[in-house]
Amino acid sequence: MLFVTRRFGVTGSDAERNLAAEPAIIEKIVERILAMLTTVAVRQQRPLARGTHAKGVCARAQFEVLDVTTGRDRAMAARLAKGIYAKPAIYPRSCASRIPTPM
């Protein structure tokens, strides 16, 4: 299999490496991968996505932070109301989203 990977600059040992040519080889690989990804994105009429296994949306949900101050001990409410739990809100979520923002 090494005969195939040599085309992409992969060698059998460190002694065979061409350190001077590696940056150009890496750049060529990146260009080819981006060209392939762009071709597929255009064909599928979608934006360019990361990697060969682009993440789509597999599930949608809502995460609701309830108001802990209503009918509860104030000390406990103050202790629980930290970070994302600081104020009541509904956060939409999906497999594709990264940072929750309130609706």
N, C-alpha and C. Protein backbone atom coordinates (compact mmCIF):
# COMPACT_ATOMS: atom_id res chain seq x y z
N MET A 1 0.82 -1.19 0.00
CA MET A 1 0.00 0.00 0.00
C MET A 1 0.86 1.25 0.00
N LEU A 2 2.12 1.10 0.36
CA LEU A 2 3.02 2.26 0.42
C LEU A 2 3.18 2.91 -0.94
N PHE A 3 3.11 2.12 -2.01
CA PHE A 3 3.28 2.70 -3.35
C PHE A 3 2.18 3.71 -3.66
N VAL A 4 0.99 3.52 -3.11
CA VAL A 4 -0.11 4.47 -3.32
C VAL A 4 0.11 5.72 -2.48
N THR A 5 0.50 5.55 -1.23
CA THR A 5 0.64 6.69 -0.33
C THR A 5 1.86 7.54 -0.66
N ARG A 6 2.86 6.98 -1.31
CA ARG A 6 4.03 7.78 -1.70
C ARG A 6 3.64 8.94 -2.60
N ARG A 7 2.59 8.73 -3.38
CA ARG A 7 2.11 9.80 -4.27
C ARG A 7 1.72 11.04 -3.46
N PHE A 8 1.30 10.84 -2.22
CA PHE A 8 0.89 11.94 -1.35
C PHE A 8 1.99 12.35 -0.39
N GLY A 9 3.20 11.88 -0.59
CA GLY A 9 4.31 12.28 0.24
C GLY A 9 4.54 11.43 1.47
N VAL A 10 3.81 10.33 1.61
CA VAL A 10 3.99 9.45 2.75
C VAL A 10 5.15 8.52 2.45
N THR A 11 6.04 8.37 3.42
CA THR A 11 7.22 7.54 3.21
C THR A 11 7.22 6.36 4.17
N GLY A 12 8.09 5.41 3.88
CA GLY A 12 8.19 4.21 4.71
C GLY A 12 8.98 4.44 5.99
N SER A 13 9.86 5.44 5.99
CA SER A 13 10.66 5.72 7.18
C SER A 13 11.03 7.20 7.19
N ASP A 14 11.51 7.68 8.33
CA ASP A 14 11.92 9.08 8.44
C ASP A 14 13.10 9.39 7.52
N ALA A 15 13.91 8.39 7.22
CA ALA A 15 15.08 8.61 6.36
C ALA A 15 14.66 9.00 4.93
N GLU A 16 13.48 8.54 4.50
CA GLU A 16 13.00 8.84 3.16
C GLU A 16 12.28 10.18 3.06
N ARG A 17 12.01 10.81 4.18
CA ARG A 17 11.26 12.08 4.16
C ARG A 17 12.04 13.19 3.49
N ASN A 18 11.32 14.03 2.77
CA ASN A 18 11.90 15.21 2.16
C ASN A 18 11.33 16.42 2.91
N LEU A 19 12.02 16.84 3.96
CA LEU A 19 11.51 17.90 4.82
C LEU A 19 11.32 19.22 4.08
N ALA A 20 12.13 19.47 3.09
CA ALA A 20 12.02 20.73 2.34
C ALA A 20 10.73 20.76 1.50
N ALA A 21 10.31 19.60 1.02
CA ALA A 21 9.13 19.54 0.16
C ALA A 21 7.82 19.36 0.93
N GLU A 22 7.88 18.99 2.22
CA GLU A 22 6.67 18.70 2.97
C GLU A 22 5.65 19.83 3.00
N PRO A 23 6.04 21.08 3.23
CA PRO A 23 5.01 22.15 3.24
C PRO A 23 4.26 22.26 1.91
N ALA A 24 4.95 22.12 0.80
CA ALA A 24 4.30 22.18 -0.51
C ALA A 24 3.38 20.99 -0.72
N ILE A 25 3.81 19.81 -0.26
CA ILE A 25 2.98 18.61 -0.39
C ILE A 25 1.72 18.75 0.45
N ILE A 26 1.87 19.24 1.68
CA ILE A 26 0.72 19.44 2.56
C ILE A 26 -0.25 20.43 1.92
N GLU A 27 0.27 21.51 1.38
CA GLU A 27 -0.57 22.53 0.73
C GLU A 27 -1.33 21.93 -0.46
N LYS A 28 -0.67 21.09 -1.22
CA LYS A 28 -1.31 20.44 -2.37
C LYS A 28 -2.44 19.52 -1.91
N ILE A 29 -2.21 18.77 -0.83
CA ILE A 29 -3.25 17.89 -0.28
C ILE A 29 -4.44 18.72 0.18
N VAL A 30 -4.18 19.80 0.89
CA VAL A 30 -5.26 20.67 1.38
C VAL A 30 -6.06 21.23 0.19
N GLU A 31 -5.38 21.70 -0.84
CA GLU A 31 -6.05 22.24 -2.02
C GLU A 31 -6.95 21.19 -2.68
N ARG A 32 -6.44 19.96 -2.80
CA ARG A 32 -7.23 18.90 -3.44
C ARG A 32 -8.46 18.53 -2.60
N ILE A 33 -8.29 18.45 -1.29
CA ILE A 33 -9.42 18.12 -0.43
C ILE A 33 -10.47 19.22 -0.49
N LEU A 34 -10.04 20.49 -0.42
CA LEU A 34 -10.99 21.60 -0.51
C LEU A 34 -11.70 21.62 -1.86
N ALA A 35 -10.99 21.28 -2.92
CA ALA A 35 -11.62 21.23 -4.25
C ALA A 35 -12.69 20.14 -4.29
N MET A 36 -12.39 18.97 -3.71
CA MET A 36 -13.37 17.88 -3.68
C MET A 36 -14.59 18.28 -2.86
N LEU A 37 -14.37 18.88 -1.68
CA LEU A 37 -15.48 19.29 -0.81
C LEU A 37 -16.33 20.36 -1.49
N THR A 38 -15.68 21.29 -2.18
CA THR A 38 -16.40 22.35 -2.87
C THR A 38 -17.25 21.77 -4.00
N THR A 39 -16.70 20.84 -4.75
CA THR A 39 -17.45 20.19 -5.83
C THR A 39 -18.70 19.51 -5.30
N VAL A 40 -18.56 18.78 -4.22
CA VAL A 40 -19.71 18.08 -3.63
C VAL A 40 -20.73 19.08 -3.11
N ALA A 41 -20.29 20.14 -2.44
CA ALA A 41 -21.22 21.14 -1.91
C ALA A 41 -22.00 21.81 -3.03
N VAL A 42 -21.33 22.14 -4.12
CA VAL A 42 -22.01 22.77 -5.26
C VAL A 42 -23.02 21.80 -5.86
N ARG A 43 -22.61 20.55 -6.02
CA ARG A 43 -23.50 19.54 -6.60
C ARG A 43 -24.74 19.34 -5.74
N GLN A 44 -24.56 19.39 -4.41
CA GLN A 44 -25.69 19.18 -3.49
C GLN A 44 -26.41 20.48 -3.13
N GLN A 45 -25.98 21.59 -3.72
CA GLN A 45 -26.57 22.90 -3.48
C GLN A 45 -26.65 23.22 -1.99
N ARG A 46 -25.51 23.11 -1.32
CA ARG A 46 -25.43 23.42 0.10
C ARG A 46 -24.11 24.14 0.35
N PRO A 47 -24.00 24.81 1.52
CA PRO A 47 -22.74 25.49 1.81
C PRO A 47 -21.61 24.49 2.04
N LEU A 48 -20.41 24.97 1.87
CA LEU A 48 -19.23 24.15 2.12
C LEU A 48 -19.18 23.81 3.60
N ALA A 49 -19.02 22.53 3.92
CA ALA A 49 -18.99 22.08 5.31
C ALA A 49 -17.63 21.49 5.62
N ARG A 50 -17.36 21.30 6.89
CA ARG A 50 -16.05 20.80 7.29
C ARG A 50 -15.92 19.30 7.02
N GLY A 51 -14.73 18.89 6.69
CA GLY A 51 -14.40 17.48 6.58
C GLY A 51 -15.20 16.68 5.58
N THR A 52 -14.90 15.41 5.50
CA THR A 52 -15.60 14.53 4.58
C THR A 52 -16.90 14.01 5.17
N HIS A 53 -17.07 14.15 6.47
CA HIS A 53 -18.29 13.72 7.14
C HIS A 53 -18.94 14.94 7.76
N ALA A 54 -19.47 15.81 6.92
CA ALA A 54 -20.08 17.05 7.39
C ALA A 54 -21.27 16.73 8.29
N LYS A 55 -21.37 17.48 9.35
CA LYS A 55 -22.46 17.25 10.28
C LYS A 55 -23.71 17.97 9.83
N GLY A 56 -24.77 17.23 9.74
CA GLY A 56 -26.08 17.82 9.47
C GLY A 56 -26.84 17.89 10.77
N VAL A 57 -28.11 18.08 10.69
CA VAL A 57 -28.94 18.13 11.89
C VAL A 57 -29.59 16.77 12.05
N CYS A 58 -29.29 16.09 13.15
CA CYS A 58 -29.86 14.76 13.36
C CYS A 58 -31.04 14.81 14.32
N ALA A 59 -31.11 15.84 15.16
CA ALA A 59 -32.21 15.97 16.12
C ALA A 59 -32.32 17.42 16.53
N ARG A 60 -33.53 17.82 16.85
CA ARG A 60 -33.76 19.17 17.36
C ARG A 60 -34.46 19.04 18.71
N ALA A 61 -34.15 19.95 19.60
CA ALA A 61 -34.75 19.92 20.93
C ALA A 61 -34.72 21.32 21.52
N GLN A 62 -35.36 21.45 22.67
CA GLN A 62 -35.32 22.70 23.41
C GLN A 62 -34.91 22.38 24.84
N PHE A 63 -34.04 23.22 25.36
CA PHE A 63 -33.58 23.09 26.74
C PHE A 63 -34.15 24.28 27.49
N GLU A 64 -35.02 24.04 28.46
CA GLU A 64 -35.67 25.13 29.18
C GLU A 64 -35.08 25.28 30.57
N VAL A 65 -34.66 26.49 30.88
CA VAL A 65 -34.18 26.82 32.22
C VAL A 65 -35.36 27.47 32.95
N LEU A 66 -35.78 26.82 34.00
CA LEU A 66 -36.94 27.30 34.75
C LEU A 66 -36.53 28.40 35.72
N ASP A 67 -37.53 29.17 36.15
CA ASP A 67 -37.30 30.23 37.13
C ASP A 67 -37.24 29.59 38.51
N VAL A 68 -36.07 29.51 39.09
CA VAL A 68 -35.91 28.86 40.40
C VAL A 68 -36.26 29.78 41.56
N THR A 69 -36.52 31.05 41.29
CA THR A 69 -36.84 31.99 42.38
C THR A 69 -38.30 31.92 42.79
N THR A 70 -39.16 31.39 41.94
CA THR A 70 -40.59 31.35 42.23
C THR A 70 -40.90 30.23 43.22
N GLY A 71 -41.37 30.62 44.39
CA GLY A 71 -41.81 29.64 45.39
C GLY A 71 -40.70 28.81 46.01
N ARG A 72 -39.47 29.29 45.96
CA ARG A 72 -38.36 28.53 46.54
C ARG A 72 -37.53 29.40 47.47
N ASP A 73 -36.70 28.77 48.24
CA ASP A 73 -35.80 29.46 49.15
C ASP A 73 -34.85 30.37 48.36
N ARG A 74 -34.72 31.65 48.79
CA ARG A 74 -33.89 32.60 48.06
C ARG A 74 -32.41 32.19 48.04
N ALA A 75 -31.93 31.61 49.12
CA ALA A 75 -30.53 31.21 49.19
C ALA A 75 -30.25 30.09 48.17
N MET A 76 -31.18 29.14 48.09
CA MET A 76 -31.00 28.05 47.12
C MET A 76 -31.09 28.60 45.69
N ALA A 77 -32.04 29.51 45.45
CA ALA A 77 -32.19 30.09 44.12
C ALA A 77 -30.92 30.83 43.71
N ALA A 78 -30.32 31.57 44.63
CA ALA A 78 -29.09 32.31 44.33
C ALA A 78 -27.94 31.34 44.05
N ARG A 79 -27.90 30.23 44.79
CA ARG A 79 -26.85 29.24 44.58
C ARG A 79 -26.98 28.52 43.23
N LEU A 80 -28.21 28.28 42.80
CA LEU A 80 -28.45 27.55 41.55
C LEU A 80 -28.35 28.44 40.31
N ALA A 81 -28.61 29.74 40.46
CA ALA A 81 -28.67 30.64 39.31
C ALA A 81 -27.28 31.08 38.88
N LYS A 82 -26.52 30.17 38.28
CA LYS A 82 -25.16 30.44 37.81
C LYS A 82 -25.05 30.09 36.34
N GLY A 83 -24.24 30.83 35.61
CA GLY A 83 -23.96 30.53 34.20
C GLY A 83 -25.22 30.51 33.36
N ILE A 84 -25.42 29.42 32.62
CA ILE A 84 -26.57 29.30 31.74
C ILE A 84 -27.88 29.24 32.53
N TYR A 85 -27.79 28.90 33.81
CA TYR A 85 -28.97 28.78 34.66
C TYR A 85 -29.31 30.09 35.38
N ALA A 86 -28.61 31.19 35.06
CA ALA A 86 -28.79 32.46 35.77
C ALA A 86 -30.16 33.08 35.52
N LYS A 87 -30.73 32.87 34.35
CA LYS A 87 -32.05 33.45 34.09
C LYS A 87 -32.89 32.47 33.30
N PRO A 88 -34.20 32.50 33.51
CA PRO A 88 -35.08 31.60 32.77
C PRO A 88 -35.02 31.89 31.27
N ALA A 89 -34.93 30.85 30.48
CA ALA A 89 -34.90 30.99 29.03
C ALA A 89 -35.13 29.63 28.39
N ILE A 90 -35.41 29.65 27.09
CA ILE A 90 -35.54 28.42 26.32
C ILE A 90 -34.43 28.45 25.27
N TYR A 91 -33.61 27.41 25.27
CA TYR A 91 -32.47 27.32 24.35
C TYR A 91 -32.74 26.24 23.31
N PRO A 92 -32.77 26.61 22.01
CA PRO A 92 -32.92 25.59 20.99
C PRO A 92 -31.61 24.82 20.85
N ARG A 93 -31.68 23.52 20.62
CA ARG A 93 -30.49 22.70 20.45
C ARG A 93 -30.69 21.76 19.28
N SER A 94 -29.58 21.42 18.67
CA SER A 94 -29.57 20.37 17.66
C SER A 94 -28.18 19.78 17.66
N CYS A 95 -27.99 18.70 16.96
CA CYS A 95 -26.66 18.09 16.87
C CYS A 95 -25.68 19.04 16.18
N ALA A 96 -26.20 19.94 15.35
CA ALA A 96 -25.33 20.81 14.57
C ALA A 96 -24.93 22.08 15.31
N SER A 97 -25.73 22.53 16.27
CA SER A 97 -25.41 23.79 16.94
C SER A 97 -24.39 23.58 18.03
N ARG A 98 -23.61 24.59 18.30
CA ARG A 98 -22.53 24.50 19.27
C ARG A 98 -22.79 25.32 20.53
N ILE A 99 -23.10 26.59 20.37
CA ILE A 99 -23.26 27.47 21.51
C ILE A 99 -24.74 27.80 21.66
N PRO A 100 -25.36 27.44 22.81
CA PRO A 100 -26.78 27.73 22.97
C PRO A 100 -27.01 29.23 23.16
N THR A 101 -28.01 29.73 22.47
CA THR A 101 -28.42 31.12 22.63
C THR A 101 -29.92 31.12 22.89
N PRO A 102 -30.40 31.95 23.83
CA PRO A 102 -31.83 31.92 24.16
C PRO A 102 -32.69 32.35 22.98
N MET A 103 -33.91 31.81 22.95
CA MET A 103 -34.86 32.19 21.90
C MET A 103 -35.49 33.51 22.25
